[in-house]
Amino acid sequence: MSIPLNDYSITVYGDPYKYDPALQMAFEATVANSIIRGQIAKTSVGKLVLSRIKNGPGDVEIYPRYKAGLNAEADYKLKSNSSGRLIGKDPHKIVVWFKPQQWKETMPASQATIPTNLRAFEPGMLRDEVLLHELVHSGRLLDGFAQSSHKLAPNPDDPAPYADADSAAYETIEEFMTILVSNIYLSEKGQKVFRASHGVDGYPYILDQAQSSSEGFLSKKSNLALVKLFCETDRLAPKLVPIDTLFNPVRAYFIKNPLTYTVNGSLNN
């Protein structure tokens, strides 16, 4: 069984639950209808992320992450030859592992009403936010942005572009880009607290107040350099410009650098 979302080139499979049909149907309906159609597709950012997948060179399959303790994940699907032997990854097929029950459905009242100066909870951890994050990865993977193993923490033995002490919290360029889009999604939903890292030990998870606006975020040199890279290279970037919300550094960057918009925009024609 499965639920195909043909409008987005996504199929939701509950196959690992095939010995429990009720659980299988519940997984597929929750992910396809409640989260993707009911939440993600109803936002501007979500529509753009889904449209990118639809118009990309492949498609996405979503399966339950049924093994306890593992995070959500997106990666290329392994492909095999006629004898069943694995022969590498398929650049046109992305698999997302995701378990809705692992994440809260709505923000607890105590978090919804918490004074913004306390900032004492983790943003981006509702189930639609986690899946949106993985779908951003999926679209970028289909467009050829492989998830780099290079860390953003400086390493003289393995130098990487944009690596410095400030950007290290995001772990890799790929995670920075994905968290950037996810934070714009949070802002569109009306949230005012955003992610500041990929959850790396030793770094704050929540953006400080000074960086929690478009201009404030771009005022940090490392953020500006990585947002510039995103705006120059990712075909999703120009399409985020119309989303006028508290936190949208992509919009703010393009407004100040219209030539970049023109150059990247030509990639979408």
Foldseek 3Di string as FASTA:
>chain_A
DWDDPLQQQEIEFAVVCVVPVVVRVVRRCCVPPCQLVVPLCVFLLSVLLSVLNNPFQAGEYEYEPPDPPDAKAKDFDFDDDPVRHTDGGDLRYMYIYAHQVVFAQDDPPCVVPPPVQVLPDFPQGHRSSSVQLRSNVVSVSRVPPDFDQDFLDADPVDGDPLRYPQLRQAGGLSSLLSQLSSQLVCQSVPDQWGARHPPDPPDDGIDHNQCSFLVSVCVDPSSVVSLLVCLQPPLSLLVCLVSDGRHRVSVVVCVVVVVSSVNSPVVVD
